[in-house]
Amino acid sequence: MGDPIADGELVVLLAPGRPRRLVRASRGPQTVGDEGVVDLAPVVGAPEGTELRWAGRAYRVVRPSLEDRLAAVRRKAQIVVPKDAAALVFLTGIGDGSRVAEAGAGSGALTVALAHFVGARGRVHAFDRRADFLAVARSNVTAAGFADRVDFAERDVAAAGFDLTGLDAVILDLPEPWGVVAAADAALKVGGYLATYTPTYNQLERSARAMRDGGFGDVRSRELLERALHVGEGGTRPEFEMLGHTGFLTVGRKGG
């Protein structure tokens, strides 16, 4: 059993063979997906791991992981998938207390991941030139419980820049990221990282060239492929389908 669950805190309902549900531990009825209405009043103030009886089943109430938060993201635009988000965080050194800018917030999946890793002491600045995408991203970040870690701004950073300095990392999920390299350089601290996420080889080539021409060092590119396994006694094998090409990751370092 863990620390007591606070009123209004995000929690996950877990039961074998049932979809996980991300909900607020609040008093009073709330609708959960298409499965009906639940009242979480009995778990407010109870330890993490408390059992809740609902709809004829026993659920464990636990705090959400990053995967739980991302699974609840509502999509309007194509998202940066977890395998790529994790690599971007690792390659750019993002951690507790980091200050990060993201251009091309889209549906906010990467924003949620960044907010998780920068922690309560860090800050994420999320930019998008489309107000409708920004509204969806803000809604998803709020639903994930990270609204207090993210600043949103409707802006075309290719034309107007970031109006920020001393950032630890800048991540560009844009059709023409090479046009933002100079603005990213101005926003980064020395030693900070610039990363681009692009779907085609032509975009990848132009992004890497612009980074090198712009003075970024240690410019590297990679692609990640993910394949699940079907595990059974005496019958373990790869799944027939896999998560193949999603995007190319290119990372360079200012002053490197």
C-alpha atoms as a PDB file:
ATOM      1  CA  MET A   1       0.000   0.000   0.000  1.00  0.00           C
ATOM      2  CA  GLY A   2       1.256   3.478  -0.853  1.00  0.00           C
ATOM      3  CA  ASP A   3       0.615   7.052   0.234  1.00  0.00           C
ATOM      4  CA  PRO A   4      -3.018   8.171   0.601  1.00  0.00           C
ATOM      5  CA  ILE A   5      -4.768   9.254  -2.578  1.00  0.00           C
ATOM      6  CA  ALA A   6      -5.687  12.939  -2.589  1.00  0.00           C
ATOM      7  CA  ASP A   7      -9.043  14.348  -3.606  1.00  0.00           C
ATOM      8  CA  GLY A   8      -8.887  15.226  -7.334  1.00  0.00           C
ATOM      9  CA  GLU A   9      -5.709  13.234  -7.974  1.00  0.00           C
ATOM     10  CA  LEU A  10      -5.377  11.283 -11.226  1.00  0.00           C
ATOM     11  CA  VAL A  11      -5.544   7.527 -10.715  1.00  0.00           C
ATOM     12  CA  VAL A  12      -5.817   4.397 -12.836  1.00  0.00           C
ATOM     13  CA  LEU A  13      -8.359   1.624 -12.357  1.00  0.00           C
ATOM     14  CA  LEU A  14      -6.821  -1.797 -13.025  1.00  0.00           C
ATOM     15  CA  ALA A  15      -8.549  -5.170 -13.344  1.00  0.00           C
ATOM     16  CA  PRO A  16      -7.383  -8.336 -15.121  1.00  0.00           C
ATOM     17  CA  GLY A  17      -8.719  -8.528 -18.664  1.00  0.00           C
ATOM     18  CA  ARG A  18     -10.214  -5.034 -18.573  1.00  0.00           C
ATOM     19  CA  PRO A  19      -9.031  -1.798 -20.193  1.00  0.00           C
ATOM     20  CA  ARG A  20      -7.173   0.513 -17.805  1.00  0.00           C
ATOM     21  CA  ARG A  21      -9.090   3.670 -17.007  1.00  0.00           C
ATOM     22  CA  LEU A  22      -7.525   7.039 -16.179  1.00  0.00           C
ATOM     23  CA  VAL A  23      -9.905   8.963 -13.884  1.00  0.00           C
ATOM     24  CA  ARG A  24      -9.979  11.567 -11.131  1.00  0.00           C
ATOM     25  CA  ALA A  25     -10.234  10.353  -7.566  1.00  0.00           C
ATOM     26  CA  SER A  26     -13.063  12.727  -6.749  1.00  0.00           C
ATOM     27  CA  ARG A  27     -16.212  12.364  -4.708  1.00  0.00           C
ATOM     28  CA  GLY A  28     -19.449  11.951  -6.626  1.00  0.00           C
ATOM     29  CA  PRO A  29     -20.484  10.083  -9.790  1.00  0.00           C
ATOM     30  CA  GLN A  30     -18.439  10.358 -12.988  1.00  0.00           C
ATOM     31  CA  THR A  31     -18.851   8.638 -16.348  1.00  0.00           C
ATOM     32  CA  VAL A  32     -16.009   6.319 -17.368  1.00  0.00           C
ATOM     33  CA  GLY A  33     -15.856   5.586 -21.089  1.00  0.00           C
ATOM     34  CA  ASP A  34     -18.835   3.501 -22.145  1.00  0.00           C
ATOM     35  CA  GLU A  35     -18.728   1.333 -19.036  1.00  0.00           C
ATOM     36  CA  GLY A  36     -21.009   3.411 -16.848  1.00  0.00           C
ATOM     37  CA  VAL A  37     -20.752   5.636 -13.802  1.00  0.00           C
ATOM     38  CA  VAL A  38     -18.403   5.251 -10.852  1.00  0.00           C
ATOM     39  CA  ASP A  39     -18.036   7.095  -7.548  1.00  0.00           C
ATOM     40  CA  LEU A  40     -14.457   7.167  -6.274  1.00  0.00           C
ATOM     41  CA  ALA A  41     -15.322   8.697  -2.900  1.00  0.00           C
ATOM     42  CA  PRO A  42     -14.289   5.459  -1.086  1.00  0.00           C
ATOM     43  CA  VAL A  43     -10.677   5.742  -2.342  1.00  0.00           C
ATOM     44  CA  VAL A  44     -10.108   9.422  -1.478  1.00  0.00           C
ATOM     45  CA  GLY A  45      -7.752   9.349   1.497  1.00  0.00           C
ATOM     46  CA  ALA A  46      -7.180   5.605   1.105  1.00  0.00           C
ATOM     47  CA  PRO A  47      -3.724   4.139   0.320  1.00  0.00           C
ATOM     48  CA  GLU A  48      -2.628   3.521  -3.254  1.00  0.00           C
ATOM     49  CA  GLY A  49      -3.507  -0.038  -4.184  1.00  0.00           C
ATOM     50  CA  THR A  50      -6.900   0.056  -2.464  1.00  0.00           C
ATOM     51  CA  GLU A  51      -9.517  -2.231  -3.999  1.00  0.00           C
ATOM     52  CA  LEU A  52     -12.669  -0.687  -5.481  1.00  0.00           C
ATOM     53  CA  ARG A  53     -15.743  -2.721  -6.406  1.00  0.00           C
ATOM     54  CA  TRP A  54     -17.363  -1.424  -9.566  1.00  0.00           C
ATOM     55  CA  ALA A  55     -19.633  -2.942 -12.223  1.00  0.00           C
ATOM     56  CA  GLY A  56     -19.330  -6.369 -10.627  1.00  0.00           C
ATOM     57  CA  ARG A  57     -15.517  -6.390 -10.679  1.00  0.00           C
ATOM     58  CA  ALA A  58     -12.693  -5.659  -8.287  1.00  0.00           C
ATOM     59  CA  TYR A  59     -10.334  -2.885  -9.444  1.00  0.00           C
ATOM     60  CA  ARG A  60      -7.041  -1.774  -7.936  1.00  0.00           C
ATOM     61  CA  VAL A  61      -6.604   1.987  -7.725  1.00  0.00           C
ATOM     62  CA  VAL A  62      -3.027   3.050  -8.507  1.00  0.00           C
ATOM     63  CA  ARG A  63      -1.216   6.192  -9.585  1.00  0.00           C
ATOM     64  CA  PRO A  64      -0.685   6.554 -13.349  1.00  0.00           C
ATOM     65  CA  SER A  65       2.536   5.843 -15.184  1.00  0.00           C
ATOM     66  CA  LEU A  66       3.607   7.869 -18.223  1.00  0.00           C
ATOM     67  CA  GLU A  67       2.253   5.070 -20.418  1.00  0.00           C
ATOM     68  CA  ASP A  68      -1.145   5.385 -18.710  1.00  0.00           C
ATOM     69  CA  ARG A  69      -1.204   9.142 -19.338  1.00  0.00           C
ATOM     70  CA  LEU A  70      -0.208   8.768 -22.998  1.00  0.00           C
ATOM     71  CA  ALA A  71      -2.805   6.066 -23.610  1.00  0.00           C
ATOM     72  CA  ALA A  72      -5.506   8.633 -22.798  1.00  0.00           C
ATOM     73  CA  VAL A  73      -4.285  11.215 -25.347  1.00  0.00           C
ATOM     74  CA  ARG A  74      -7.022  12.297 -27.756  1.00  0.00           C
ATOM     75  CA  ARG A  75      -5.590  12.568 -31.254  1.00  0.00           C
ATOM     76  CA  LYS A  76      -6.230  15.321 -33.770  1.00  0.00           C
ATOM     77  CA  ALA A  77      -2.846  15.244 -35.488  1.00  0.00           C
ATOM     78  CA  GLN A  78      -0.340  12.396 -35.913  1.00  0.00           C
ATOM     79  CA  ILE A  79       1.511  11.983 -32.613  1.00  0.00           C
ATOM     80  CA  VAL A  80       5.135  11.312 -31.719  1.00  0.00           C
ATOM     81  CA  VAL A  81       4.804   7.693 -30.584  1.00  0.00           C
ATOM     82  CA  PRO A  82       6.314   6.496 -27.278  1.00  0.00           C
ATOM     83  CA  LYS A  83       9.328   4.720 -28.819  1.00  0.00           C
ATOM     84  CA  ASP A  84      10.395   7.968 -30.488  1.00  0.00           C
ATOM     85  CA  ALA A  85       9.473  10.206 -27.547  1.00  0.00           C
ATOM     86  CA  ALA A  86      11.621   8.111 -25.215  1.00  0.00           C
ATOM     87  CA  ALA A  87      14.578   8.310 -27.592  1.00  0.00           C
ATOM     88  CA  LEU A  88      14.216  12.071 -27.992  1.00  0.00           C
ATOM     89  CA  VAL A  89      14.265  12.528 -24.224  1.00  0.00           C
ATOM     90  CA  PHE A  90      17.338  10.305 -23.874  1.00  0.00           C
ATOM     91  CA  LEU A  91      19.277  11.843 -26.769  1.00  0.00           C
ATOM     92  CA  THR A  92      18.651  15.416 -25.638  1.00  0.00           C
ATOM     93  CA  GLY A  93      19.438  14.826 -21.975  1.00  0.00           C
ATOM     94  CA  ILE A  94      16.070  16.068 -20.737  1.00  0.00           C
ATOM     95  CA  GLY A  95      15.522  15.466 -17.032  1.00  0.00           C
ATOM     96  CA  ASP A  96      14.284  16.933 -13.776  1.00  0.00           C
ATOM     97  CA  GLY A  97      14.414  20.722 -13.936  1.00  0.00           C
ATOM     98  CA  SER A  98      15.073  20.999 -17.684  1.00  0.00           C
ATOM     99  CA  ARG A  99      13.665  23.883 -19.723  1.00  0.00           C
ATOM    100  CA  VAL A 100      12.466  22.693 -23.122  1.00  0.00           C
ATOM    101  CA  ALA A 101      10.728  24.186 -26.152  1.00  0.00           C
ATOM    102  CA  GLU A 102       8.639  22.109 -28.529  1.00  0.00           C
ATOM    103  CA  ALA A 103       7.465  23.464 -31.886  1.00  0.00           C
ATOM    104  CA  GLY A 104       4.630  21.610 -33.564  1.00  0.00           C
ATOM    105  CA  ALA A 105       2.728  20.553 -30.461  1.00  0.00           C
ATOM    106  CA  GLY A 106       0.055  18.770 -32.508  1.00  0.00           C
ATOM    107  CA  SER A 107      -2.085  16.616 -30.221  1.00  0.00           C
ATOM    108  CA  GLY A 108       0.290  17.041 -27.272  1.00  0.00           C
ATOM    109  CA  ALA A 109       1.550  13.468 -26.835  1.00  0.00           C
ATOM    110  CA  LEU A 110       5.208  14.530 -26.857  1.00  0.00           C
ATOM    111  CA  THR A 111       4.273  17.501 -24.658  1.00  0.00           C
ATOM    112  CA  VAL A 112       2.911  15.094 -22.033  1.00  0.00           C
ATOM    113  CA  ALA A 113       6.103  13.022 -22.158  1.00  0.00           C
ATOM    114  CA  LEU A 114       8.317  16.113 -21.877  1.00  0.00           C
ATOM    115  CA  ALA A 115       6.272  17.433 -18.946  1.00  0.00           C
ATOM    116  CA  HIS A 116       6.680  14.097 -17.190  1.00  0.00           C
ATOM    117  CA  PHE A 117      10.459  14.110 -17.512  1.00  0.00           C
ATOM    118  CA  VAL A 118      11.146  17.783 -16.660  1.00  0.00           C
ATOM    119  CA  GLY A 119       9.286  17.294 -13.385  1.00  0.00           C
ATOM    120  CA  ALA A 120       7.724  19.926 -11.171  1.00  0.00           C
ATOM    121  CA  ARG A 121      10.894  22.066 -11.248  1.00  0.00           C
ATOM    122  CA  GLY A 122      11.157  22.128 -15.060  1.00  0.00           C
ATOM    123  CA  ARG A 123       9.222  23.877 -17.806  1.00  0.00           C
ATOM    124  CA  VAL A 124       7.930  22.959 -21.250  1.00  0.00           C
ATOM    125  CA  HIS A 125       7.139  25.697 -23.779  1.00  0.00           C
ATOM    126  CA  ALA A 126       4.815  24.276 -26.434  1.00  0.00           C
ATOM    127  CA  PHE A 127       4.302  26.167 -29.706  1.00  0.00           C
ATOM    128  CA  ASP A 128       1.984  25.570 -32.637  1.00  0.00           C
ATOM    129  CA  ARG A 129       0.795  27.903 -35.378  1.00  0.00           C
ATOM    130  CA  ARG A 130      -2.678  26.303 -35.448  1.00  0.00           C
ATOM    131  CA  ALA A 131      -5.066  27.279 -32.680  1.00  0.00           C
ATOM    132  CA  ASP A 132      -7.139  24.083 -33.072  1.00  0.00           C
ATOM    133  CA  PHE A 133      -4.111  21.842 -32.577  1.00  0.00           C
ATOM    134  CA  LEU A 134      -2.991  23.923 -29.614  1.00  0.00           C
ATOM    135  CA  ALA A 135      -6.414  23.587 -27.985  1.00  0.00           C
ATOM    136  CA  VAL A 136      -6.289  19.780 -28.296  1.00  0.00           C
ATOM    137  CA  ALA A 137      -2.725  19.685 -26.941  1.00  0.00           C
ATOM    138  CA  ARG A 138      -3.702  21.855 -23.972  1.00  0.00           C
ATOM    139  CA  SER A 139      -6.718  19.623 -23.267  1.00  0.00           C
ATOM    140  CA  ASN A 140      -4.592  16.452 -23.369  1.00  0.00           C
ATOM    141  CA  VAL A 141      -1.864  17.922 -21.158  1.00  0.00           C
ATOM    142  CA  THR A 142      -4.499  19.042 -18.643  1.00  0.00           C
ATOM    143  CA  ALA A 143      -6.139  15.603 -18.666  1.00  0.00           C
ATOM    144  CA  ALA A 144      -2.716  14.046 -18.018  1.00  0.00           C
ATOM    145  CA  GLY A 145      -2.293  16.231 -14.930  1.00  0.00           C
ATOM    146  CA  PHE A 146       0.611  18.345 -16.202  1.00  0.00           C
ATOM    147  CA  ALA A 147      -1.027  21.699 -16.964  1.00  0.00           C
ATOM    148  CA  ASP A 148       1.131  23.453 -14.354  1.00  0.00           C
ATOM    149  CA  ARG A 149       4.348  22.421 -16.143  1.00  0.00           C
ATOM    150  CA  VAL A 150       3.555  23.668 -19.666  1.00  0.00           C
ATOM    151  CA  ASP A 151       3.195  27.083 -21.301  1.00  0.00           C
ATOM    152  CA  PHE A 152       1.302  27.131 -24.617  1.00  0.00           C
ATOM    153  CA  ALA A 153       1.710  29.757 -27.340  1.00  0.00           C
ATOM    154  CA  GLU A 154       0.150  30.119 -30.787  1.00  0.00           C
ATOM    155  CA  ARG A 155       3.129  31.127 -32.904  1.00  0.00           C
ATOM    156  CA  ASP A 156       4.889  30.401 -36.182  1.00  0.00           C
ATOM    157  CA  VAL A 157       8.404  29.978 -34.792  1.00  0.00           C
ATOM    158  CA  ALA A 158       9.880  29.962 -38.303  1.00  0.00           C
ATOM    159  CA  ALA A 159       8.805  33.584 -38.674  1.00  0.00           C
ATOM    160  CA  ALA A 160       8.794  34.862 -35.087  1.00  0.00           C
ATOM    161  CA  GLY A 161      11.343  32.713 -33.250  1.00  0.00           C
ATOM    162  CA  PHE A 162      10.906  31.464 -29.692  1.00  0.00           C
ATOM    163  CA  ASP A 163      11.475  34.608 -27.609  1.00  0.00           C
ATOM    164  CA  LEU A 164      13.304  32.411 -25.086  1.00  0.00           C
ATOM    165  CA  THR A 165      16.934  31.969 -24.076  1.00  0.00           C
ATOM    166  CA  GLY A 166      19.004  29.487 -22.090  1.00  0.00           C
ATOM    167  CA  LEU A 167      16.939  26.430 -23.005  1.00  0.00           C
ATOM    168  CA  ASP A 168      18.289  22.941 -22.441  1.00  0.00           C
ATOM    169  CA  ALA A 169      16.622  21.504 -25.531  1.00  0.00           C
ATOM    170  CA  VAL A 170      14.483  22.439 -28.535  1.00  0.00           C
ATOM    171  CA  ILE A 171      12.474  19.772 -30.379  1.00  0.00           C
ATOM    172  CA  LEU A 172      10.993  20.487 -33.823  1.00  0.00           C
ATOM    173  CA  ASP A 173       8.120  18.419 -35.226  1.00  0.00           C
ATOM    174  CA  LEU A 174       7.570  20.614 -38.280  1.00  0.00           C
ATOM    175  CA  PRO A 175       7.322  20.160 -42.064  1.00  0.00           C
ATOM    176  CA  GLU A 176      10.388  22.399 -42.648  1.00  0.00           C
ATOM    177  CA  PRO A 177      12.491  22.321 -39.468  1.00  0.00           C
ATOM    178  CA  TRP A 178      15.609  23.538 -41.302  1.00  0.00           C
ATOM    179  CA  GLY A 179      14.000  26.973 -41.402  1.00  0.00           C
ATOM    180  CA  VAL A 180      13.963  27.127 -37.595  1.00  0.00           C
ATOM    181  CA  VAL A 181      17.569  26.086 -36.879  1.00  0.00           C
ATOM    182  CA  ALA A 182      18.793  29.671 -36.413  1.00  0.00           C
ATOM    183  CA  ALA A 183      15.903  30.525 -34.073  1.00  0.00           C
ATOM    184  CA  ALA A 184      16.549  27.359 -32.067  1.00  0.00           C
ATOM    185  CA  ASP A 185      20.241  28.225 -31.807  1.00  0.00           C
ATOM    186  CA  ALA A 186      19.334  31.635 -30.360  1.00  0.00           C
ATOM    187  CA  ALA A 187      17.042  30.023 -27.779  1.00  0.00           C
ATOM    188  CA  LEU A 188      19.466  27.322 -26.610  1.00  0.00           C
ATOM    189  CA  LYS A 189      22.196  27.517 -24.006  1.00  0.00           C
ATOM    190  CA  VAL A 190      25.691  26.430 -24.993  1.00  0.00           C
ATOM    191  CA  GLY A 191      25.688  22.649 -24.789  1.00  0.00           C
ATOM    192  CA  GLY A 192      21.938  22.474 -25.341  1.00  0.00           C
ATOM    193  CA  TYR A 193      20.380  20.092 -27.845  1.00  0.00           C
ATOM    194  CA  LEU A 194      18.347  20.596 -31.005  1.00  0.00           C
ATOM    195  CA  ALA A 195      16.263  17.661 -32.264  1.00  0.00           C
ATOM    196  CA  THR A 196      14.078  17.253 -35.343  1.00  0.00           C
ATOM    197  CA  TYR A 197      11.400  14.651 -36.029  1.00  0.00           C
ATOM    198  CA  THR A 198      10.788  14.160 -39.754  1.00  0.00           C
ATOM    199  CA  PRO A 199       8.941  11.491 -41.782  1.00  0.00           C
ATOM    200  CA  THR A 200      10.908  11.568 -45.076  1.00  0.00           C
ATOM    201  CA  TYR A 201      14.529  11.185 -46.172  1.00  0.00           C
ATOM    202  CA  ASN A 202      14.535  14.551 -47.938  1.00  0.00           C
ATOM    203  CA  GLN A 203      13.443  16.316 -44.744  1.00  0.00           C
ATOM    204  CA  LEU A 204      16.030  14.366 -42.775  1.00  0.00           C
ATOM    205  CA  GLU A 205      18.845  15.371 -45.152  1.00  0.00           C
ATOM    206  CA  ARG A 206      17.934  19.058 -45.157  1.00  0.00           C
ATOM    207  CA  SER A 207      17.564  19.113 -41.368  1.00  0.00           C
ATOM    208  CA  ALA A 208      20.962  17.512 -40.759  1.00  0.00           C
ATOM    209  CA  ARG A 209      22.634  19.818 -43.297  1.00  0.00           C
ATOM    210  CA  ALA A 210      21.065  22.919 -41.734  1.00  0.00           C
ATOM    211  CA  MET A 211      22.254  21.862 -38.278  1.00  0.00           C
ATOM    212  CA  ARG A 212      25.837  21.352 -39.445  1.00  0.00           C
ATOM    213  CA  ASP A 213      25.812  24.588 -41.465  1.00  0.00           C
ATOM    214  CA  GLY A 214      24.378  26.363 -38.406  1.00  0.00           C
ATOM    215  CA  GLY A 215      27.305  25.342 -36.198  1.00  0.00           C
ATOM    216  CA  PHE A 216      25.742  22.392 -34.381  1.00  0.00           C
ATOM    217  CA  GLY A 217      28.095  19.533 -33.614  1.00  0.00           C
ATOM    218  CA  ASP A 218      27.753  15.792 -33.037  1.00  0.00           C
ATOM    219  CA  VAL A 219      24.786  15.689 -35.445  1.00  0.00           C
ATOM    220  CA  ARG A 220      23.357  12.164 -35.523  1.00  0.00           C
ATOM    221  CA  SER A 221      20.278  10.588 -37.082  1.00  0.00           C
ATOM    222  CA  ARG A 222      18.440   7.356 -36.383  1.00  0.00           C
ATOM    223  CA  GLU A 223      15.223   5.440 -36.873  1.00  0.00           C
ATOM    224  CA  LEU A 224      13.629   3.141 -34.310  1.00  0.00           C
ATOM    225  CA  LEU A 225      11.541   0.078 -35.141  1.00  0.00           C
ATOM    226  CA  GLU A 226       9.418  -1.722 -32.563  1.00  0.00           C
ATOM    227  CA  ARG A 227       8.251  -5.331 -32.698  1.00  0.00           C
ATOM    228  CA  ALA A 228       6.130  -6.989 -30.017  1.00  0.00           C
ATOM    229  CA  LEU A 229       6.460 -10.656 -29.072  1.00  0.00           C
ATOM    230  CA  HIS A 230       3.739 -13.240 -28.622  1.00  0.00           C
ATOM    231  CA  VAL A 231       4.805 -15.162 -25.513  1.00  0.00           C
ATOM    232  CA  GLY A 232       3.451 -18.648 -24.895  1.00  0.00           C
ATOM    233  CA  GLU A 233       4.887 -21.840 -23.421  1.00  0.00           C
ATOM    234  CA  GLY A 234       6.799 -23.476 -26.265  1.00  0.00           C
ATOM    235  CA  GLY A 235       5.308 -21.081 -28.794  1.00  0.00           C
ATOM    236  CA  THR A 236       7.016 -17.721 -28.315  1.00  0.00           C
ATOM    237  CA  ARG A 237       7.461 -15.828 -31.576  1.00  0.00           C
ATOM    238  CA  PRO A 238       7.457 -12.299 -32.981  1.00  0.00           C
ATOM    239  CA  GLU A 239       4.063 -10.751 -33.686  1.00  0.00           C
ATOM    240  CA  PHE A 240       3.220 -10.685 -37.400  1.00  0.00           C
ATOM    241  CA  GLU A 241       2.720  -6.911 -37.351  1.00  0.00           C
ATOM    242  CA  MET A 242       5.192  -4.354 -36.047  1.00  0.00           C
ATOM    243  CA  LEU A 243       5.435  -0.612 -35.498  1.00  0.00           C
ATOM    244  CA  GLY A 244       7.789   0.256 -38.323  1.00  0.00           C
ATOM    245  CA  HIS A 245       8.635   3.649 -39.769  1.00  0.00           C
ATOM    246  CA  THR A 246       7.147   6.577 -37.899  1.00  0.00           C
ATOM    247  CA  GLY A 247       9.816   9.283 -38.109  1.00  0.00           C
ATOM    248  CA  PHE A 248      13.530  10.014 -38.332  1.00  0.00           C
ATOM    249  CA  LEU A 249      15.243  11.526 -35.291  1.00  0.00           C
ATOM    250  CA  THR A 250      18.121  13.951 -35.820  1.00  0.00           C
ATOM    251  CA  VAL A 251      19.939  15.493 -32.861  1.00  0.00           C
ATOM    252  CA  GLY A 252      22.751  18.031 -32.692  1.00  0.00           C
ATOM    253  CA  ARG A 253      24.436  19.977 -29.902  1.00  0.00           C
ATOM    254  CA  LYS A 254      25.100  23.711 -29.706  1.00  0.00           C
ATOM    255  CA  GLY A 255      28.793  24.410 -29.378  1.00  0.00           C
ATOM    256  CA  GLY A 256      29.575  20.773 -30.006  1.00  0.00           C
END
